[in-house]
PDB file of N, CA and C in Angstrom:
ATOM      1  N   UNK A   1     185.515 101.357 222.245  1.00  0.00           N
ATOM      2  CA  UNK A   1     186.375 101.793 221.166  1.00  0.00           C
ATOM      3  C   UNK A   1     186.447 103.308 221.196  1.00  0.00           C
ATOM      4  N   UNK A   2     187.611 103.828 221.091  1.00  0.00           N
ATOM      5  CA  UNK A   2     187.790 105.281 221.123  1.00  0.00           C
ATOM      6  C   UNK A   2     188.011 105.800 219.719  1.00  0.00           C
ATOM      7  N   UNK A   3     187.981 107.075 219.596  1.00  0.00           N
ATOM      8  CA  UNK A   3     188.155 107.698 218.280  1.00  0.00           C
ATOM      9  C   UNK A   3     189.563 107.477 217.746  1.00  0.00           C
ATOM     10  N   UNK A   4     190.553 107.280 218.627  1.00  0.00           N
ATOM     11  CA  UNK A   4     191.924 107.043 218.193  1.00  0.00           C
ATOM     12  C   UNK A   4     192.134 105.669 217.590  1.00  0.00           C
ATOM     13  N   UNK A   5     191.256 104.715 217.882  1.00  0.00           N
ATOM     14  CA  UNK A   5     191.384 103.354 217.362  1.00  0.00           C
ATOM     15  C   UNK A   5     190.694 103.168 216.018  1.00  0.00           C
ATOM     16  N   UNK A   6     189.814 104.051 215.655  1.00  0.00           N
ATOM     17  CA  UNK A   6     189.079 103.919 214.396  1.00  0.00           C
ATOM     18  C   UNK A   6     189.996 104.157 213.210  1.00  0.00           C
ATOM     19  N   UNK A   7     189.719 103.443 212.143  1.00  0.00           N
ATOM     20  CA  UNK A   7     190.445 103.697 210.898  1.00  0.00           C
ATOM     21  C   UNK A   7     189.822 104.903 210.228  1.00  0.00           C
ATOM     22  N   UNK A   8     190.660 105.800 209.781  1.00  0.00           N
ATOM     23  CA  UNK A   8     190.167 107.013 209.136  1.00  0.00           C
ATOM     24  C   UNK A   8     190.085 106.768 207.636  1.00  0.00           C
ATOM     25  N   UNK A   9     188.876 106.602 207.135  1.00  0.00           N
ATOM     26  CA  UNK A   9     188.672 106.349 205.702  1.00  0.00           C
ATOM     27  C   UNK A   9     188.443 107.630 204.924  1.00  0.00           C
ATOM     28  N   UNK A  10     188.612 108.778 205.560  1.00  0.00           N
ATOM     29  CA  UNK A  10     188.347 110.033 204.862  1.00  0.00           C
ATOM     30  C   UNK A  10     189.539 110.501 204.029  1.00  0.00           C
ATOM     31  N   UNK A  11     190.698 109.830 204.159  1.00  0.00           N
ATOM     32  CA  UNK A  11     191.857 110.219 203.358  1.00  0.00           C
ATOM     33  C   UNK A  11     191.632 109.846 201.901  1.00  0.00           C
ATOM     34  N   UNK A  12     192.115 110.668 200.966  1.00  0.00           N
ATOM     35  CA  UNK A  12     191.965 110.303 199.544  1.00  0.00           C
ATOM     36  C   UNK A  12     192.820 109.081 199.217  1.00  0.00           C
ATOM     37  N   UNK A  13     192.350 108.275 198.274  1.00  0.00           N
ATOM     38  CA  UNK A  13     193.077 107.069 197.871  1.00  0.00           C
ATOM     39  C   UNK A  13     194.380 107.448 197.177  1.00  0.00           C
ATOM     40  N   UNK A  14     195.434 106.704 197.460  1.00  0.00           N
ATOM     41  CA  UNK A  14     196.731 106.952 196.839  1.00  0.00           C
ATOM     42  C   UNK A  14     196.714 106.410 195.405  1.00  0.00           C
ATOM     43  N   UNK A  15     197.351 107.111 194.477  1.00  0.00           N
ATOM     44  CA  UNK A  15     197.402 106.588 193.105  1.00  0.00           C
ATOM     45  C   UNK A  15     198.296 105.352 193.034  1.00  0.00           C
ATOM     46  N   UNK A  16     197.912 104.432 192.195  1.00  0.00           N
ATOM     47  CA  UNK A  16     198.696 103.205 192.022  1.00  0.00           C
ATOM     48  C   UNK A  16     199.907 103.521 191.154  1.00  0.00           C
ATOM     49  N   UNK A  17     201.100 103.247 191.684  1.00  0.00           N
ATOM     50  CA  UNK A  17     202.330 103.579 190.968  1.00  0.00           C
ATOM     51  C   UNK A  17     202.782 102.483 190.018  1.00  0.00           C
ATOM     52  N   UNK A  18     202.504 101.225 190.381  1.00  0.00           N
ATOM     53  CA  UNK A  18     202.981 100.112 189.559  1.00  0.00           C
ATOM     54  C   UNK A  18     201.998  98.958 189.664  1.00  0.00           C
ATOM     55  N   UNK A  19     201.685  98.379 188.538  1.00  0.00           N
ATOM     56  CA  UNK A  19     200.828  97.204 188.511  1.00  0.00           C
ATOM     57  C   UNK A  19     201.289  96.323 187.342  1.00  0.00           C
ATOM     58  N   UNK A  20     201.442  95.024 187.616  1.00  0.00           N
ATOM     59  CA  UNK A  20     201.899  94.111 186.567  1.00  0.00           C
ATOM     60  C   UNK A  20     201.215  92.761 186.739  1.00  0.00           C
ATOM     61  N   UNK A  21     200.971  92.118 185.638  1.00  0.00           N
ATOM     62  CA  UNK A  21     200.452  90.753 185.631  1.00  0.00           C
ATOM     63  C   UNK A  21     201.570  89.864 185.093  1.00  0.00           C
ATOM     64  N   UNK A  22     202.109  89.009 185.960  1.00  0.00           N
ATOM     65  CA  UNK A  22     203.246  88.165 185.601  1.00  0.00           C
ATOM     66  C   UNK A  22     202.755  86.798 185.148  1.00  0.00           C
ATOM     67  N   UNK A  23     203.224  86.357 183.989  1.00  0.00           N
ATOM     68  CA  UNK A  23     202.880  85.031 183.460  1.00  0.00           C
ATOM     69  C   UNK A  23     204.167  84.341 183.025  1.00  0.00           C
ATOM     70  N   UNK A  24     204.233  83.016 183.147  1.00  0.00           N
ATOM     71  CA  UNK A  24     205.441  82.306 182.708  1.00  0.00           C
ATOM     72  C   UNK A  24     205.561  82.317 181.183  1.00  0.00           C
ATOM     73  N   UNK A  25     206.785  82.344 180.701  1.00  0.00           N
ATOM     74  CA  UNK A  25     207.038  82.344 179.257  1.00  0.00           C
ATOM     75  C   UNK A  25     207.049  80.910 178.734  1.00  0.00           C
ATOM     76  N   UNK A  26     206.344  80.669 177.664  1.00  0.00           N
ATOM     77  CA  UNK A  26     206.353  79.370 176.995  1.00  0.00           C
ATOM     78  C   UNK A  26     206.627  79.625 175.519  1.00  0.00           C
ATOM     79  N   UNK A  27     207.680  79.019 175.002  1.00  0.00           N
ATOM     80  CA  UNK A  27     208.078  79.282 173.621  1.00  0.00           C
ATOM     81  C   UNK A  27     207.359  78.379 172.615  1.00  0.00           C
ATOM     82  N   UNK A  28     206.660  77.353 173.082  1.00  0.00           N
ATOM     83  CA  UNK A  28     205.994  76.419 172.178  1.00  0.00           C
ATOM     84  C   UNK A  28     204.493  76.689 172.206  1.00  0.00           C
ATOM     85  N   UNK A  29     203.952  77.179 171.088  1.00  0.00           N
ATOM     86  CA  UNK A  29     202.514  77.424 171.040  1.00  0.00           C
ATOM     87  C   UNK A  29     201.778  76.142 170.636  1.00  0.00           C
ATOM     88  N   UNK A  30     200.454  76.232 170.557  1.00  0.00           N
ATOM     89  CA  UNK A  30     199.639  75.045 170.312  1.00  0.00           C
ATOM     90  C   UNK A  30     199.896  74.423 168.938  1.00  0.00           C
ATOM     91  N   UNK A  31     200.053  75.252 167.915  1.00  0.00           N
ATOM     92  CA  UNK A  31     200.285  74.730 166.563  1.00  0.00           C
ATOM     93  C   UNK A  31     201.619  73.980 166.491  1.00  0.00           C
ATOM     94  N   UNK A  32     202.651  74.553 167.079  1.00  0.00           N
ATOM     95  CA  UNK A  32     203.958  73.881 167.081  1.00  0.00           C
ATOM     96  C   UNK A  32     203.918  72.604 167.910  1.00  0.00           C
ATOM     97  N   UNK A  33     203.131  72.601 168.975  1.00  0.00           N
ATOM     98  CA  UNK A  33     202.973  71.393 169.780  1.00  0.00           C
ATOM     99  C   UNK A  33     202.349  70.270 168.953  1.00  0.00           C
ATOM    100  N   UNK A  34     201.334  70.587 168.156  1.00  0.00           N
ATOM    101  CA  UNK A  34     200.706  69.569 167.311  1.00  0.00           C
ATOM    102  C   UNK A  34     201.666  69.052 166.251  1.00  0.00           C
ATOM    103  N   UNK A  35     202.465  69.942 165.669  1.00  0.00           N
ATOM    104  CA  UNK A  35     203.467  69.519 164.683  1.00  0.00           C
ATOM    105  C   UNK A  35     204.505  68.614 165.341  1.00  0.00           C
ATOM    106  N   UNK A  36     204.982  69.010 166.514  1.00  0.00           N
ATOM    107  CA  UNK A  36     205.975  68.214 167.233  1.00  0.00           C
ATOM    108  C   UNK A  36     205.423  66.833 167.594  1.00  0.00           C
ATOM    109  N   UNK A  37     204.196  66.778 168.092  1.00  0.00           N
ATOM    110  CA  UNK A  37     203.610  65.488 168.468  1.00  0.00           C
ATOM    111  C   UNK A  37     203.352  64.622 167.238  1.00  0.00           C
ATOM    112  N   UNK A  38     202.958  65.235 166.134  1.00  0.00           N
ATOM    113  CA  UNK A  38     202.765  64.472 164.898  1.00  0.00           C
ATOM    114  C   UNK A  38     204.065  63.870 164.401  1.00  0.00           C
ATOM    115  N   UNK A  39     205.127  64.676 164.407  1.00  0.00           N
ATOM    116  CA  UNK A  39     206.439  64.191 163.989  1.00  0.00           C
ATOM    117  C   UNK A  39     206.934  63.086 164.914  1.00  0.00           C
ATOM    118  N   UNK A  40     206.807  63.297 166.215  1.00  0.00           N
ATOM    119  CA  UNK A  40     207.255  62.312 167.188  1.00  0.00           C
ATOM    120  C   UNK A  40     206.464  61.008 167.058  1.00  0.00           C
ATOM    121  N   UNK A  41     205.170  61.117 166.829  1.00  0.00           N
ATOM    122  CA  UNK A  41     204.339  59.922 166.646  1.00  0.00           C
ATOM    123  C   UNK A  41     204.736  59.156 165.386  1.00  0.00           C
ATOM    124  N   UNK A  42     204.979  59.875 164.297  1.00  0.00           N
ATOM    125  CA  UNK A  42     205.352  59.220 163.043  1.00  0.00           C
ATOM    126  C   UNK A  42     206.705  58.511 163.169  1.00  0.00           C
ATOM    127  N   UNK A  43     207.679  59.165 163.770  1.00  0.00           N
ATOM    128  CA  UNK A  43     209.005  58.555 163.938  1.00  0.00           C
ATOM    129  C   UNK A  43     208.921  57.348 164.867  1.00  0.00           C
ATOM    130  N   UNK A  44     208.174  57.474 165.967  1.00  0.00           N
ATOM    131  CA  UNK A  44     208.044  56.362 166.907  1.00  0.00           C
ATOM    132  C   UNK A  44     207.316  55.177 166.266  1.00  0.00           C
ATOM    133  N   UNK A  45     206.283  55.476 165.466  1.00  0.00           N
ATOM    134  CA  UNK A  45     205.558  54.392 164.801  1.00  0.00           C
ATOM    135  C   UNK A  45     206.447  53.687 163.781  1.00  0.00           C
ATOM    136  N   UNK A  46     207.218  54.460 163.011  1.00  0.00           N
ATOM    137  CA  UNK A  46     208.101  53.856 162.012  1.00  0.00           C
ATOM    138  C   UNK A  46     209.177  52.992 162.676  1.00  0.00           C
ATOM    139  N   UNK A  47     209.766  53.495 163.748  1.00  0.00           N
ATOM    140  CA  UNK A  47     210.781  52.714 164.451  1.00  0.00           C
ATOM    141  C   UNK A  47     210.155  51.484 165.101  1.00  0.00           C
ATOM    142  N   UNK A  48     208.976  51.635 165.673  1.00  0.00           N
ATOM    143  CA  UNK A  48     208.277  50.504 166.277  1.00  0.00           C
ATOM    144  C   UNK A  48     207.887  49.462 165.253  1.00  0.00           C
ATOM    145  N   UNK A  49     207.487  49.909 164.066  1.00  0.00           N
ATOM    146  CA  UNK A  49     207.143  48.971 162.996  1.00  0.00           C
ATOM    147  C   UNK A  49     208.369  48.196 162.534  1.00  0.00           C
ATOM    148  N   UNK A  50     209.507  48.861 162.493  1.00  0.00           N
ATOM    149  CA  UNK A  50     210.744  48.166 162.114  1.00  0.00           C
ATOM    150  C   UNK A  50     211.072  47.073 163.133  1.00  0.00           C
ATOM    151  N   UNK A  51     210.916  47.380 164.407  1.00  0.00           N
ATOM    152  CA  UNK A  51     211.147  46.362 165.430  1.00  0.00           C
ATOM    153  C   UNK A  51     210.108  45.250 165.360  1.00  0.00           C
ATOM    154  N   UNK A  52     208.872  45.602 165.023  1.00  0.00           N
ATOM    155  CA  UNK A  52     207.818  44.599 164.888  1.00  0.00           C
ATOM    156  C   UNK A  52     208.148  43.614 163.763  1.00  0.00           C
ATOM    157  N   UNK A  53     208.654  44.132 162.652  1.00  0.00           N
ATOM    158  CA  UNK A  53     209.008  43.279 161.529  1.00  0.00           C
ATOM    159  C   UNK A  53     210.217  42.394 161.832  1.00  0.00           C
ATOM    160  N   UNK A  54     211.070  42.820 162.771  1.00  0.00           N
ATOM    161  CA  UNK A  54     212.213  42.001 163.174  1.00  0.00           C
ATOM    162  C   UNK A  54     211.826  40.969 164.228  1.00  0.00           C
ATOM    163  N   UNK A  55     210.593  41.036 164.708  1.00  0.00           N
ATOM    164  CA  UNK A  55     210.130  40.060 165.681  1.00  0.00           C
ATOM    165  C   UNK A  55     210.108  40.547 167.113  1.00  0.00           C
ATOM    166  N   UNK A  56     210.511  41.763 167.360  1.00  0.00           N
ATOM    167  CA  UNK A  56     210.508  42.314 168.716  1.00  0.00           C
ATOM    168  C   UNK A  56     209.236  43.138 168.905  1.00  0.00           C
ATOM    169  N   UNK A  57     208.088  42.458 168.921  1.00  0.00           N
ATOM    170  CA  UNK A  57     206.803  43.145 168.946  1.00  0.00           C
ATOM    171  C   UNK A  57     206.542  43.976 170.197  1.00  0.00           C
ATOM    172  N   UNK A  58     207.077  43.677 171.397  1.00  0.00           N
ATOM    173  CA  UNK A  58     206.778  44.539 172.550  1.00  0.00           C
ATOM    174  C   UNK A  58     207.352  45.956 172.438  1.00  0.00           C
ATOM    175  N   UNK A  59     208.371  46.132 171.612  1.00  0.00           N
ATOM    176  CA  UNK A  59     208.999  47.446 171.479  1.00  0.00           C
ATOM    177  C   UNK A  59     208.008  48.460 170.916  1.00  0.00           C
ATOM    178  N   UNK A  60     207.113  48.027 170.049  1.00  0.00           N
ATOM    179  CA  UNK A  60     206.101  48.925 169.479  1.00  0.00           C
ATOM    180  C   UNK A  60     205.257  49.544 170.584  1.00  0.00           C
ATOM    181  N   UNK A  61     204.875  48.757 171.565  1.00  0.00           N
ATOM    182  CA  UNK A  61     204.095  49.281 172.688  1.00  0.00           C
ATOM    183  C   UNK A  61     204.875  50.268 173.538  1.00  0.00           C
ATOM    184  N   UNK A  62     206.164  50.012 173.727  1.00  0.00           N
ATOM    185  CA  UNK A  62     206.980  50.937 174.514  1.00  0.00           C
ATOM    186  C   UNK A  62     207.179  52.269 173.791  1.00  0.00           C
ATOM    187  N   UNK A  63     207.276  52.225 172.468  1.00  0.00           N
ATOM    188  CA  UNK A  63     207.334  53.480 171.720  1.00  0.00           C
ATOM    189  C   UNK A  63     206.037  54.261 171.894  1.00  0.00           C
ATOM    190  N   UNK A  64     204.918  53.565 171.911  1.00  0.00           N
ATOM    191  CA  UNK A  64     203.637  54.222 172.150  1.00  0.00           C
ATOM    192  C   UNK A  64     203.563  54.829 173.541  1.00  0.00           C
ATOM    193  N   UNK A  65     204.083  54.123 174.534  1.00  0.00           N
ATOM    194  CA  UNK A  65     204.102  54.662 175.898  1.00  0.00           C
ATOM    195  C   UNK A  65     205.003  55.890 175.999  1.00  0.00           C
ATOM    196  N   UNK A  66     206.107  55.890 175.256  1.00  0.00           N
ATOM    197  CA  UNK A  66     206.990  57.067 175.247  1.00  0.00           C
ATOM    198  C   UNK A  66     206.266  58.291 174.699  1.00  0.00           C
ATOM    199  N   UNK A  67     205.543  58.119 173.608  1.00  0.00           N
ATOM    200  CA  UNK A  67     204.802  59.243 173.023  1.00  0.00           C
ATOM    201  C   UNK A  67     203.723  59.715 173.991  1.00  0.00           C
ATOM    202  N   UNK A  68     203.051  58.783 174.647  1.00  0.00           N
ATOM    203  CA  UNK A  68     202.020  59.140 175.614  1.00  0.00           C
ATOM    204  C   UNK A  68     202.625  59.899 176.798  1.00  0.00           C
ATOM    205  N   UNK A  69     203.782  59.492 177.289  1.00  0.00           N
ATOM    206  CA  UNK A  69     204.436  60.180 178.403  1.00  0.00           C
ATOM    207  C   UNK A  69     204.850  61.601 178.018  1.00  0.00           C
ATOM    208  N   UNK A  70     205.348  61.777 176.810  1.00  0.00           N
ATOM    209  CA  UNK A  70     205.738  63.113 176.353  1.00  0.00           C
ATOM    210  C   UNK A  70     204.510  63.998 176.195  1.00  0.00           C
ATOM    211  N   UNK A  71     203.429  63.457 175.662  1.00  0.00           N
ATOM    212  CA  UNK A  71     202.174  64.202 175.533  1.00  0.00           C
ATOM    213  C   UNK A  71     201.676  64.642 176.914  1.00  0.00           C
ATOM    214  N   UNK A  72     201.697  63.734 177.874  1.00  0.00           N
ATOM    215  CA  UNK A  72     201.235  64.022 179.223  1.00  0.00           C
ATOM    216  C   UNK A  72     202.085  65.120 179.870  1.00  0.00           C
ATOM    217  N   UNK A  73     203.410  65.065 179.688  1.00  0.00           N
ATOM    218  CA  UNK A  73     204.298  66.079 180.252  1.00  0.00           C
ATOM    219  C   UNK A  73     204.028  67.455 179.642  1.00  0.00           C
ATOM    220  N   UNK A  74     203.781  67.511 178.347  1.00  0.00           N
ATOM    221  CA  UNK A  74     203.468  68.790 177.714  1.00  0.00           C
ATOM    222  C   UNK A  74     202.120  69.322 178.181  1.00  0.00           C
ATOM    223  N   UNK A  75     201.148  68.450 178.379  1.00  0.00           N
ATOM    224  CA  UNK A  75     199.845  68.905 178.869  1.00  0.00           C
ATOM    225  C   UNK A  75     199.971  69.517 180.264  1.00  0.00           C
ATOM    226  N   UNK A  76     200.784  68.922 181.130  1.00  0.00           N
ATOM    227  CA  UNK A  76     201.031  69.499 182.453  1.00  0.00           C
ATOM    228  C   UNK A  76     201.739  70.844 182.312  1.00  0.00           C
ATOM    229  N   UNK A  77     202.684  70.932 181.389  1.00  0.00           N
ATOM    230  CA  UNK A  77     203.394  72.171 181.147  1.00  0.00           C
ATOM    231  C   UNK A  77     202.433  73.267 180.684  1.00  0.00           C
ATOM    232  N   UNK A  78     201.521  72.952 179.774  1.00  0.00           N
ATOM    233  CA  UNK A  78     200.553  73.935 179.290  1.00  0.00           C
ATOM    234  C   UNK A  78     199.579  74.341 180.394  1.00  0.00           C
ATOM    235  N   UNK A  79     199.220  73.403 181.270  1.00  0.00           N
ATOM    236  CA  UNK A  79     198.330  73.739 182.385  1.00  0.00           C
ATOM    237  C   UNK A  79     199.030  74.700 183.340  1.00  0.00           C
ATOM    238  N   UNK A  80     200.296  74.460 183.623  1.00  0.00           N
ATOM    239  CA  UNK A  80     201.054  75.333 184.505  1.00  0.00           C
ATOM    240  C   UNK A  80     201.327  76.703 183.867  1.00  0.00           C
ATOM    241  N   UNK A  81     201.289  76.782 182.567  1.00  0.00           N
ATOM    242  CA  UNK A  81     201.526  78.044 181.875  1.00  0.00           C
ATOM    243  C   UNK A  81     200.373  79.026 182.075  1.00  0.00           C
ATOM    244  N   UNK A  82     199.232  78.553 182.532  1.00  0.00           N
ATOM    245  CA  UNK A  82     198.093  79.431 182.766  1.00  0.00           C
ATOM    246  C   UNK A  82     198.194  80.153 184.107  1.00  0.00           C
ATOM    247  N   UNK A  83     199.205  79.858 184.902  1.00  0.00           N
ATOM    248  CA  UNK A  83     199.371  80.502 186.197  1.00  0.00           C
ATOM    249  C   UNK A  83     199.743  81.969 186.010  1.00  0.00           C
ATOM    250  N   UNK A  84     199.180  82.825 186.848  1.00  0.00           N
ATOM    251  CA  UNK A  84     199.488  84.245 186.804  1.00  0.00           C
ATOM    252  C   UNK A  84     199.706  84.757 188.220  1.00  0.00           C
ATOM    253  N   UNK A  85     200.388  85.876 188.316  1.00  0.00           N
ATOM    254  CA  UNK A  85     200.604  86.532 189.602  1.00  0.00           C
ATOM    255  C   UNK A  85     200.436  88.019 189.405  1.00  0.00           C
ATOM    256  N   UNK A  86     199.616  88.609 190.241  1.00  0.00           N
ATOM    257  CA  UNK A  86     199.349  90.049 190.162  1.00  0.00           C
ATOM    258  C   UNK A  86     200.288  90.783 191.114  1.00  0.00           C
ATOM    259  N   UNK A  87     200.982  91.748 190.592  1.00  0.00           N
ATOM    260  CA  UNK A  87     201.898  92.552 191.401  1.00  0.00           C
ATOM    261  C   UNK A  87     201.359  93.972 191.435  1.00  0.00           C
ATOM    262  N   UNK A  88     201.346  94.536 192.584  1.00  0.00           N
ATOM    263  CA  UNK A  88     200.882  95.921 192.633  1.00  0.00           C
ATOM    264  C   UNK A  88     200.369  96.357 193.931  1.00  0.00           C
TER     265      UNK A  88
END
């Protein structure tokens, strides 16, 4: 190895001109999520109960599966919201 191949670490460090932490925007916070899920659960239960009283008992279970699917999708959305990217 010759002196021309060595990295010269004696130069002063350059000042950082720009640095940013990028995060995805989410307009629904945790409190609003709980309110939304509570409202959705109440409406789905009421509609499912109406179908149950008419004799269509399997519909109640499908309303429950719908609420569970929406909950699962929001949980994935909140997990993805924790992603960050450092620029600089």
